[in-house]
C-alpha atoms as a PDB file:
ATOM      1  CA  MET A   1      77.194  92.533 126.440  1.00  0.00           C
ATOM      2  CA  ALA A   2      79.740  90.195 127.906  1.00  0.00           C
ATOM      3  CA  ASN A   3      82.176  91.532 130.486  1.00  0.00           C
ATOM      4  CA  SER A   4      85.113  90.930 128.147  1.00  0.00           C
ATOM      5  CA  ALA A   5      83.406  93.042 125.479  1.00  0.00           C
ATOM      6  CA  GLU A   6      82.759  95.889 127.930  1.00  0.00           C
ATOM      7  CA  MET A   7      86.360  95.708 129.072  1.00  0.00           C
ATOM      8  CA  LEU A   8      87.670  95.931 125.522  1.00  0.00           C
ATOM      9  CA  MET A   9      85.373  98.873 124.743  1.00  0.00           C
ATOM     10  CA  ASN A  10      86.977 100.717 127.663  1.00  0.00           C
ATOM     11  CA  VAL A  11      90.451  99.759 126.463  1.00  0.00           C
ATOM     12  CA  LEU A  12      89.764 101.030 122.948  1.00  0.00           C
ATOM     13  CA  ALA A  13      88.295 104.273 124.283  1.00  0.00           C
ATOM     14  CA  TYR A  14      91.324 104.793 126.536  1.00  0.00           C
ATOM     15  CA  ILE A  15      93.692 104.279 123.599  1.00  0.00           C
ATOM     16  CA  GLU A  16      91.755 106.768 121.446  1.00  0.00           C
ATOM     17  CA  MET A  17      91.762 109.403 124.169  1.00  0.00           C
ATOM     18  CA  ASN A  18      95.510 109.059 124.662  1.00  0.00           C
ATOM     19  CA  ILE A  19      96.671 108.255 121.121  1.00  0.00           C
ATOM     20  CA  ALA A  20      98.635 111.522 120.829  1.00  0.00           C
ATOM     21  CA  GLY A  21     101.230 110.687 123.440  1.00  0.00           C
ATOM     22  CA  GLU A  22     102.831 107.796 125.261  1.00  0.00           C
ATOM     23  CA  ILE A  23     100.515 104.917 126.125  1.00  0.00           C
ATOM     24  CA  LYS A  24     101.743 102.234 128.492  1.00  0.00           C
ATOM     25  CA  VAL A  25     100.129  98.810 128.590  1.00  0.00           C
ATOM     26  CA  ASP A  26     100.344  98.674 132.373  1.00  0.00           C
ATOM     27  CA  GLU A  27      98.470 101.998 132.599  1.00  0.00           C
ATOM     28  CA  ILE A  28      95.738 100.632 130.321  1.00  0.00           C
ATOM     29  CA  ALA A  29      95.459  97.542 132.517  1.00  0.00           C
ATOM     30  CA  LYS A  30      95.308  99.672 135.665  1.00  0.00           C
ATOM     31  CA  ASN A  31      92.613 101.918 134.153  1.00  0.00           C
ATOM     32  CA  SER A  32      90.607  98.791 133.219  1.00  0.00           C
ATOM     33  CA  TYR A  33      91.084  97.128 136.640  1.00  0.00           C
ATOM     34  CA  LEU A  34      92.903  94.199 135.030  1.00  0.00           C
ATOM     35  CA  SER A  35      96.234  92.510 135.328  1.00  0.00           C
ATOM     36  CA  VAL A  36      98.546  93.073 132.382  1.00  0.00           C
ATOM     37  CA  SER A  37      98.467  89.364 131.538  1.00  0.00           C
ATOM     38  CA  SER A  38      94.656  89.259 131.518  1.00  0.00           C
ATOM     39  CA  LEU A  39      94.478  92.334 129.317  1.00  0.00           C
ATOM     40  CA  GLN A  40      97.041  90.975 126.861  1.00  0.00           C
ATOM     41  CA  LYS A  41      95.422  87.555 126.667  1.00  0.00           C
ATOM     42  CA  THR A  42      91.884  88.851 126.088  1.00  0.00           C
ATOM     43  CA  PHE A  43      92.955  91.546 123.628  1.00  0.00           C
ATOM     44  CA  LYS A  44      95.010  89.178 121.499  1.00  0.00           C
ATOM     45  CA  TYR A  45      92.284  86.518 121.531  1.00  0.00           C
ATOM     46  CA  VAL A  46      89.761  88.988 120.075  1.00  0.00           C
ATOM     47  CA  PHE A  47      91.906  91.233 117.881  1.00  0.00           C
ATOM     48  CA  HIS A  48      94.658  88.776 116.895  1.00  0.00           C
ATOM     49  CA  MET A  49      97.428  91.207 117.770  1.00  0.00           C
ATOM     50  CA  THR A  50      99.045  92.501 120.917  1.00  0.00           C
ATOM     51  CA  VAL A  51      97.924  95.694 122.619  1.00  0.00           C
ATOM     52  CA  LYS A  52     101.260  97.258 121.730  1.00  0.00           C
ATOM     53  CA  ASP A  53     100.979  96.391 118.044  1.00  0.00           C
ATOM     54  CA  TYR A  54      97.460  97.806 117.897  1.00  0.00           C
ATOM     55  CA  ILE A  55      98.539 101.065 119.551  1.00  0.00           C
ATOM     56  CA  LEU A  56     101.429 101.453 117.132  1.00  0.00           C
ATOM     57  CA  ARG A  57      99.285 100.836 114.085  1.00  0.00           C
ATOM     58  CA  ARG A  58      96.720 103.353 115.353  1.00  0.00           C
ATOM     59  CA  LYS A  59      99.472 105.909 115.958  1.00  0.00           C
ATOM     60  CA  PHE A  60     100.854 105.517 112.442  1.00  0.00           C
ATOM     61  CA  THR A  61      97.371 105.617 110.929  1.00  0.00           C
ATOM     62  CA  CYS A  62      96.706 108.920 112.704  1.00  0.00           C
ATOM     63  CA  ALA A  63     100.195 110.163 111.823  1.00  0.00           C
ATOM     64  CA  ALA A  64      99.583 109.382 108.141  1.00  0.00           C
ATOM     65  CA  LYS A  65      96.433 111.487 108.215  1.00  0.00           C
ATOM     66  CA  ASP A  66      98.318 114.351 109.856  1.00  0.00           C
ATOM     67  CA  LEU A  67     101.010 114.220 107.161  1.00  0.00           C
ATOM     68  CA  ILE A  68      98.403 114.839 104.468  1.00  0.00           C
ATOM     69  CA  THR A  69      95.897 117.069 106.225  1.00  0.00           C
ATOM     70  CA  THR A  70      98.253 119.401 108.138  1.00  0.00           C
ATOM     71  CA  ASP A  71     101.409 121.408 107.472  1.00  0.00           C
ATOM     72  CA  ASP A  72     103.057 120.161 110.673  1.00  0.00           C
ATOM     73  CA  SER A  73     106.675 119.084 110.290  1.00  0.00           C
ATOM     74  CA  ILE A  74     107.492 115.391 110.431  1.00  0.00           C
ATOM     75  CA  LEU A  75     109.368 115.981 113.682  1.00  0.00           C
ATOM     76  CA  ASP A  76     106.351 117.722 115.223  1.00  0.00           C
ATOM     77  CA  ILE A  77     104.136 114.804 114.204  1.00  0.00           C
ATOM     78  CA  ALA A  78     106.691 112.339 115.582  1.00  0.00           C
ATOM     79  CA  LEU A  79     106.747 114.171 118.909  1.00  0.00           C
ATOM     80  CA  LYS A  80     102.951 114.313 118.977  1.00  0.00           C
ATOM     81  CA  TYR A  81     102.743 110.514 118.849  1.00  0.00           C
ATOM     82  CA  GLY A  82     105.444 109.883 121.431  1.00  0.00           C
ATOM     83  CA  TYR A  83     108.589 109.546 119.310  1.00  0.00           C
ATOM     84  CA  SER A  84     111.578 111.502 120.535  1.00  0.00           C
ATOM     85  CA  ASN A  85     113.315 111.865 117.181  1.00  0.00           C
ATOM     86  CA  HIS A  86     112.763 111.854 113.437  1.00  0.00           C
ATOM     87  CA  GLU A  87     114.740 108.649 112.833  1.00  0.00           C
ATOM     88  CA  SER A  88     112.835 106.312 115.166  1.00  0.00           C
ATOM     89  CA  PHE A  89     109.505 107.648 113.902  1.00  0.00           C
ATOM     90  CA  THR A  90     110.585 107.143 110.277  1.00  0.00           C
ATOM     91  CA  ARG A  91     111.667 103.532 110.941  1.00  0.00           C
ATOM     92  CA  GLY A  92     108.327 102.661 112.508  1.00  0.00           C
ATOM     93  CA  PHE A  93     106.333 104.497 109.846  1.00  0.00           C
ATOM     94  CA  HIS A  94     108.192 102.715 107.047  1.00  0.00           C
ATOM     95  CA  ARG A  95     107.532  99.292 108.541  1.00  0.00           C
ATOM     96  CA  VAL A  96     103.790  99.967 108.697  1.00  0.00           C
ATOM     97  CA  TRP A  97     103.270 101.897 105.449  1.00  0.00           C
ATOM     98  CA  GLY A  98     106.184 100.660 103.339  1.00  0.00           C
ATOM     99  CA  ILE A  99     107.508 104.162 102.592  1.00  0.00           C
ATOM    100  CA  SER A 100     108.997 106.996 104.608  1.00  0.00           C
ATOM    101  CA  PRO A 101     106.864 109.825 106.054  1.00  0.00           C
ATOM    102  CA  SER A 102     108.333 112.314 103.572  1.00  0.00           C
ATOM    103  CA  GLU A 103     107.619 109.996 100.620  1.00  0.00           C
ATOM    104  CA  TYR A 104     104.090 109.430 101.905  1.00  0.00           C
ATOM    105  CA  ARG A 105     103.446 113.166 102.180  1.00  0.00           C
ATOM    106  CA  LYS A 106     104.596 113.711  98.583  1.00  0.00           C
ATOM    107  CA  SER A 107     102.843 110.768  96.956  1.00  0.00           C
ATOM    108  CA  ARG A 108      99.678 109.913  98.896  1.00  0.00           C
ATOM    109  CA  HIS A 109      96.222 111.410  99.098  1.00  0.00           C
ATOM    110  CA  PHE A 110      94.800 110.360 102.452  1.00  0.00           C
ATOM    111  CA  THR A 111      91.441 108.632 102.009  1.00  0.00           C
ATOM    112  CA  GLY A 112      90.937 107.357 105.535  1.00  0.00           C
ATOM    113  CA  HIS A 113      92.295 103.958 104.560  1.00  0.00           C
ATOM    114  CA  THR A 114      95.128 102.093 106.179  1.00  0.00           C
ATOM    115  CA  PRO A 115      97.957 100.263 104.405  1.00  0.00           C
ATOM    116  CA  LYS A 116      96.767  97.575 102.032  1.00  0.00           C
ATOM    117  CA  LEU A 117      97.226  94.080 103.429  1.00  0.00           C
ATOM    118  CA  SER A 118      98.168  90.874 101.695  1.00  0.00           C
ATOM    119  CA  VAL A 119      95.879  87.868 101.510  1.00  0.00           C
ATOM    120  CA  LYS A 120      97.669  84.652 102.413  1.00  0.00           C
ATOM    121  CA  ASN A 121      98.629  82.214  99.665  1.00  0.00           C
ATOM    122  CA  LEU A 122      97.941  84.533  96.734  1.00  0.00           C
ATOM    123  CA  SER A 123     100.323  84.900  93.838  1.00  0.00           C
ATOM    124  CA  LYS A 124     101.859  88.320  93.254  1.00  0.00           C
ATOM    125  CA  THR A 125      99.528  88.842  90.296  1.00  0.00           C
ATOM    126  CA  GLU A 126      96.431  87.903  92.298  1.00  0.00           C
ATOM    127  CA  GLU A 127      97.514  90.057  95.206  1.00  0.00           C
ATOM    128  CA  SER A 128      98.126  93.004  92.886  1.00  0.00           C
ATOM    129  CA  ASN A 129      94.705  92.606  91.306  1.00  0.00           C
ATOM    130  CA  MET A 130      93.056  92.708  94.743  1.00  0.00           C
ATOM    131  CA  SER A 131      95.174  95.490  96.234  1.00  0.00           C
ATOM    132  CA  GLY A 132      92.321  97.968  96.529  1.00  0.00           C
ATOM    133  CA  MET A 133      90.163  96.243  99.098  1.00  0.00           C
ATOM    134  CA  LYS A 134      92.191  95.036 102.046  1.00  0.00           C
ATOM    135  CA  TYR A 135      92.321  97.221 105.123  1.00  0.00           C
ATOM    136  CA  ASP A 136      93.773  96.914 108.562  1.00  0.00           C
ATOM    137  CA  ILE A 137      91.827  96.502 111.770  1.00  0.00           C
ATOM    138  CA  ALA A 138      93.634  99.540 113.175  1.00  0.00           C
ATOM    139  CA  GLU A 139      91.551 101.735 110.850  1.00  0.00           C
ATOM    140  CA  LEU A 140      88.260  99.937 111.438  1.00  0.00           C
ATOM    141  CA  TYR A 141      87.485 102.075 114.484  1.00  0.00           C
ATOM    142  CA  ASP A 142      87.567 105.224 112.339  1.00  0.00           C
ATOM    143  CA  VAL A 143      85.594 103.600 109.531  1.00  0.00           C
ATOM    144  CA  LEU A 144      82.727 102.655 111.821  1.00  0.00           C
ATOM    145  CA  ARG A 145      82.699 106.014 113.553  1.00  0.00           C
ATOM    146  CA  ASP A 146      82.790 107.984 110.298  1.00  0.00           C
ATOM    147  CA  ARG A 147      80.357 105.792 108.343  1.00  0.00           C
ATOM    148  CA  ARG A 148      77.881 104.598 110.952  1.00  0.00           C
ATOM    149  CA  ASP A 149      75.003 106.352 109.140  1.00  0.00           C
ATOM    150  CA  LYS A 150      76.057 105.255 105.659  1.00  0.00           C
ATOM    151  CA  ALA A 151      74.766 102.381 103.538  1.00  0.00           C
ATOM    152  CA  TYR A 152      76.614  99.101 103.807  1.00  0.00           C
ATOM    153  CA  VAL A 153      76.509  95.578 102.396  1.00  0.00           C
ATOM    154  CA  CYS A 154      76.949  92.264 104.195  1.00  0.00           C
ATOM    155  CA  ALA A 155      77.630  89.010 102.362  1.00  0.00           C
ATOM    156  CA  ASP A 156      78.612  85.437 103.047  1.00  0.00           C
ATOM    157  CA  ILE A 157      79.440  82.505 100.779  1.00  0.00           C
ATOM    158  CA  LYS A 158      76.944  79.697 100.437  1.00  0.00           C
ATOM    159  CA  TYR A 159      78.115  76.119 100.980  1.00  0.00           C
ATOM    160  CA  LEU A 160      81.785  77.000 101.630  1.00  0.00           C
ATOM    161  CA  MET A 161      82.138  74.354 104.335  1.00  0.00           C
ATOM    162  CA  TRP A 162      80.712  71.720 101.980  1.00  0.00           C
ATOM    163  CA  ILE A 163      83.068  72.841  99.192  1.00  0.00           C
ATOM    164  CA  ASN A 164      86.085  72.606 101.502  1.00  0.00           C
ATOM    165  CA  GLU A 165      85.078  69.172 102.756  1.00  0.00           C
ATOM    166  CA  LYS A 166      83.957  67.615  99.484  1.00  0.00           C
ATOM    167  CA  LEU A 167      86.052  69.387  96.852  1.00  0.00           C
ATOM    168  CA  GLY A 168      89.112  70.387  98.860  1.00  0.00           C
ATOM    169  CA  ARG A 169      90.658  73.498 100.332  1.00  0.00           C
ATOM    170  CA  LYS A 170      92.035  74.621  96.976  1.00  0.00           C
ATOM    171  CA  ALA A 171      88.501  74.772  95.616  1.00  0.00           C
ATOM    172  CA  GLY A 172      87.307  76.638  98.720  1.00  0.00           C
ATOM    173  CA  ASP A 173      90.120  79.183  98.416  1.00  0.00           C
ATOM    174  CA  ALA A 174      89.237  79.716  94.754  1.00  0.00           C
ATOM    175  CA  VAL A 175      85.605  80.374  95.685  1.00  0.00           C
ATOM    176  CA  ILE A 176      86.667  82.910  98.338  1.00  0.00           C
ATOM    177  CA  LEU A 177      88.947  84.659  95.861  1.00  0.00           C
ATOM    178  CA  GLU A 178      86.246  84.782  93.180  1.00  0.00           C
ATOM    179  CA  THR A 179      83.708  86.155  95.666  1.00  0.00           C
ATOM    180  CA  MET A 180      86.129  88.888  96.687  1.00  0.00           C
ATOM    181  CA  ARG A 181      86.784  89.779  93.058  1.00  0.00           C
ATOM    182  CA  ARG A 182      83.060  90.057  92.357  1.00  0.00           C
ATOM    183  CA  ILE A 183      82.438  92.313  95.325  1.00  0.00           C
ATOM    184  CA  GLU A 184      85.446  94.491  94.553  1.00  0.00           C
ATOM    185  CA  ALA A 185      84.322  94.860  90.934  1.00  0.00           C
ATOM    186  CA  ALA A 186      80.982  96.244  92.135  1.00  0.00           C
ATOM    187  CA  CYS A 187      82.538  98.711  94.596  1.00  0.00           C
ATOM    188  CA  ASN A 188      83.366 102.373  94.057  1.00  0.00           C
ATOM    189  CA  ASP A 189      86.868 103.653  94.750  1.00  0.00           C
ATOM    190  CA  ASP A 190      85.841 105.139  98.101  1.00  0.00           C
ATOM    191  CA  ASP A 191      84.014 102.031  99.333  1.00  0.00           C
ATOM    192  CA  ILE A 192      85.781 100.142 102.107  1.00  0.00           C
ATOM    193  CA  PHE A 193      85.704  96.377 101.646  1.00  0.00           C
ATOM    194  CA  LEU A 194      86.615  94.021 104.490  1.00  0.00           C
ATOM    195  CA  ARG A 195      86.729  90.281 104.824  1.00  0.00           C
ATOM    196  CA  ILE A 196      85.599  89.671 108.399  1.00  0.00           C
ATOM    197  CA  GLY A 197      85.405  85.896 108.537  1.00  0.00           C
ATOM    198  CA  GLY A 198      86.246  82.809 106.549  1.00  0.00           C
ATOM    199  CA  ASP A 199      83.191  83.326 104.349  1.00  0.00           C
ATOM    200  CA  GLU A 200      81.885  86.739 105.454  1.00  0.00           C
ATOM    201  CA  PHE A 201      82.414  90.176 103.933  1.00  0.00           C
ATOM    202  CA  VAL A 202      81.236  93.740 104.509  1.00  0.00           C
ATOM    203  CA  VAL A 203      81.370  96.834 102.317  1.00  0.00           C
ATOM    204  CA  PHE A 204      81.025 100.272 103.933  1.00  0.00           C
ATOM    205  CA  THR A 205      79.963 102.816 101.316  1.00  0.00           C
ATOM    206  CA  ASN A 206      80.388 106.548 101.700  1.00  0.00           C
ATOM    207  CA  SER A 207      76.757 107.403 100.975  1.00  0.00           C
ATOM    208  CA  GLU A 208      73.528 107.455 102.930  1.00  0.00           C
ATOM    209  CA  ASP A 209      71.722 106.597  99.697  1.00  0.00           C
ATOM    210  CA  LYS A 210      70.975 102.874  99.653  1.00  0.00           C
ATOM    211  CA  ALA A 211      70.938 102.768  95.844  1.00  0.00           C
ATOM    212  CA  HIS A 212      74.660 102.088  95.458  1.00  0.00           C
ATOM    213  CA  ALA A 213      74.602  99.383  98.146  1.00  0.00           C
ATOM    214  CA  GLU A 214      71.639  97.771  96.392  1.00  0.00           C
ATOM    215  CA  ASP A 215      73.555  97.919  93.114  1.00  0.00           C
ATOM    216  CA  ILE A 216      76.428  95.994  94.713  1.00  0.00           C
ATOM    217  CA  VAL A 217      73.916  93.413  95.944  1.00  0.00           C
ATOM    218  CA  ALA A 218      72.405  93.094  92.471  1.00  0.00           C
ATOM    219  CA  GLN A 219      75.736  92.782  90.676  1.00  0.00           C
ATOM    220  CA  VAL A 220      77.123  90.168  93.048  1.00  0.00           C
ATOM    221  CA  GLY A 221      73.875  88.295  93.668  1.00  0.00           C
ATOM    222  CA  ASN A 222      72.994  88.032  89.987  1.00  0.00           C
ATOM    223  CA  ASN A 223      76.405  86.743  88.942  1.00  0.00           C
ATOM    224  CA  HIS A 224      75.888  83.020  88.413  1.00  0.00           C
ATOM    225  CA  ASP A 225      79.149  82.326  86.581  1.00  0.00           C
ATOM    226  CA  ARG A 226      80.865  79.125  87.661  1.00  0.00           C
ATOM    227  CA  ILE A 227      84.585  78.636  88.185  1.00  0.00           C
ATOM    228  CA  HIS A 228      86.739  75.672  87.230  1.00  0.00           C
ATOM    229  CA  VAL A 229      89.358  74.259  89.598  1.00  0.00           C
ATOM    230  CA  ASP A 230      91.312  71.102  88.775  1.00  0.00           C
ATOM    231  CA  GLY A 231      88.609  69.955  86.382  1.00  0.00           C
ATOM    232  CA  LYS A 232      85.797  70.663  88.850  1.00  0.00           C
ATOM    233  CA  ASP A 233      82.900  72.936  87.905  1.00  0.00           C
ATOM    234  CA  ILE A 234      81.969  74.971  91.002  1.00  0.00           C
ATOM    235  CA  ALA A 235      79.081  77.337  91.624  1.00  0.00           C
ATOM    236  CA  VAL A 236      79.933  80.560  93.480  1.00  0.00           C
ATOM    237  CA  GLU A 237      76.860  81.797  95.354  1.00  0.00           C
ATOM    238  CA  THR A 238      76.352  84.311  98.149  1.00  0.00           C
ATOM    239  CA  HIS A 239      73.807  85.440 100.698  1.00  0.00           C
ATOM    240  CA  ILE A 240      73.958  89.236 100.356  1.00  0.00           C
ATOM    241  CA  GLY A 241      71.962  92.218 101.559  1.00  0.00           C
ATOM    242  CA  SER A 242      72.144  96.005 101.942  1.00  0.00           C
ATOM    243  CA  PHE A 243      71.414  98.198 104.962  1.00  0.00           C
ATOM    244  CA  VAL A 244      71.630 101.849 106.028  1.00  0.00           C
ATOM    245  CA  GLY A 245      73.094 102.914 109.366  1.00  0.00           C
ATOM    246  CA  PHE A 246      73.456 101.116 112.666  1.00  0.00           C
ATOM    247  CA  PRO A 247      70.514 101.200 115.073  1.00  0.00           C
ATOM    248  CA  GLU A 248      70.829 104.139 117.487  1.00  0.00           C
ATOM    249  CA  ARG A 249      71.160 101.824 120.466  1.00  0.00           C
ATOM    250  CA  ILE A 250      74.255 100.188 118.987  1.00  0.00           C
ATOM    251  CA  SER A 251      77.473 102.174 119.242  1.00  0.00           C
ATOM    252  CA  ALA A 252      80.293 102.116 116.717  1.00  0.00           C
ATOM    253  CA  GLU A 253      82.448 100.541 119.444  1.00  0.00           C
ATOM    254  CA  VAL A 254      80.080  97.587 119.772  1.00  0.00           C
ATOM    255  CA  VAL A 255      80.091  96.985 116.016  1.00  0.00           C
ATOM    256  CA  PHE A 256      83.874  97.358 116.012  1.00  0.00           C
ATOM    257  CA  TYR A 257      84.167  94.673 118.656  1.00  0.00           C
ATOM    258  CA  GLU A 258      81.841  92.270 116.865  1.00  0.00           C
ATOM    259  CA  ILE A 259      83.591  92.695 113.509  1.00  0.00           C
ATOM    260  CA  ALA A 260      87.110  92.791 114.877  1.00  0.00           C
ATOM    261  CA  LYS A 261      86.818  89.513 116.748  1.00  0.00           C
ATOM    262  CA  LYS A 262      85.905  87.846 113.446  1.00  0.00           C
ATOM    263  CA  MET A 263      88.500  89.514 111.247  1.00  0.00           C
ATOM    264  CA  SER A 264      90.470  86.903 109.324  1.00  0.00           C
ATOM    265  CA  ILE A 265      92.665  89.190 107.252  1.00  0.00           C
ATOM    266  CA  ILE A 266      94.984  90.572 109.901  1.00  0.00           C
ATOM    267  CA  HIS A 267      98.375  92.063 109.190  1.00  0.00           C
ATOM    268  CA  TYR A 268     100.976  90.747 111.597  1.00  0.00           C
ATOM    269  CA  LEU A 269     104.106  92.868 111.641  1.00  0.00           C
ATOM    270  CA  ASP A 270     107.075  90.749 110.583  1.00  0.00           C
ATOM    271  CA  ASN A 271     108.871  91.995 113.627  1.00  0.00           C
ATOM    272  CA  GLU A 272     107.595  93.946 116.603  1.00  0.00           C
ATOM    273  CA  THR A 273     107.432  97.607 115.657  1.00  0.00           C
ATOM    274  CA  SER A 274     108.998  99.566 118.467  1.00  0.00           C
ATOM    275  CA  GLU A 275     111.061 102.623 119.202  1.00  0.00           C
ATOM    276  CA  GLU A 276     114.590 101.479 119.737  1.00  0.00           C
END
């Protein structure tokens, strides 16, 4: 494994060990024997967000779980994750989840998923139709740790580069969207579906039985319907396969790193989320 990968594994582990409390970027850099600038540059290059943004999203992901799975007060949860008062915690929580902690506790059933993300350039209708399958990288660590022995599906789009070059980006975007719709249609409610590259996708099921994963493969792979974009008739085809569990020699952190550095659906906070 490359030195940068090893370094980031250590950074992620440090964040997880200290998530319930204050985490300073300079302390992470010191623990990793790096300068702050080197840490920030490498982390953002791989994960497409700053160290601070990642920490905050992890904190609010963990806080959301606590709101549903414990009877702790919102203030106690705020204090646990390094917020000195209810108001600052509520502001940050709302900017990540879109609702207040109290509203979340009343209306949500925690499934282990993070806030749904928006896919760029989709209409409101399209985005609404696809709302069930977009998850944030800040939850990926938990997904891989919790589902490392489960069945999963990997897929990529055939000929996407050729479609973009010969038929145009609009056609390529339509093919991506149609592929995502097909995969989502084959998924169960508790499957976690991620787009990890321009033409690559992964579904983490919640079962060690490969049958469901194979069913997803069959449904998507056997769909030969064509789409029509600006008068062009376009085939939508995928390479797709199912697997069960990661090899023992490969840790969840390694898989996290490899997937995260390819993630193309990343939620950038409109403004830096911080305690003011």
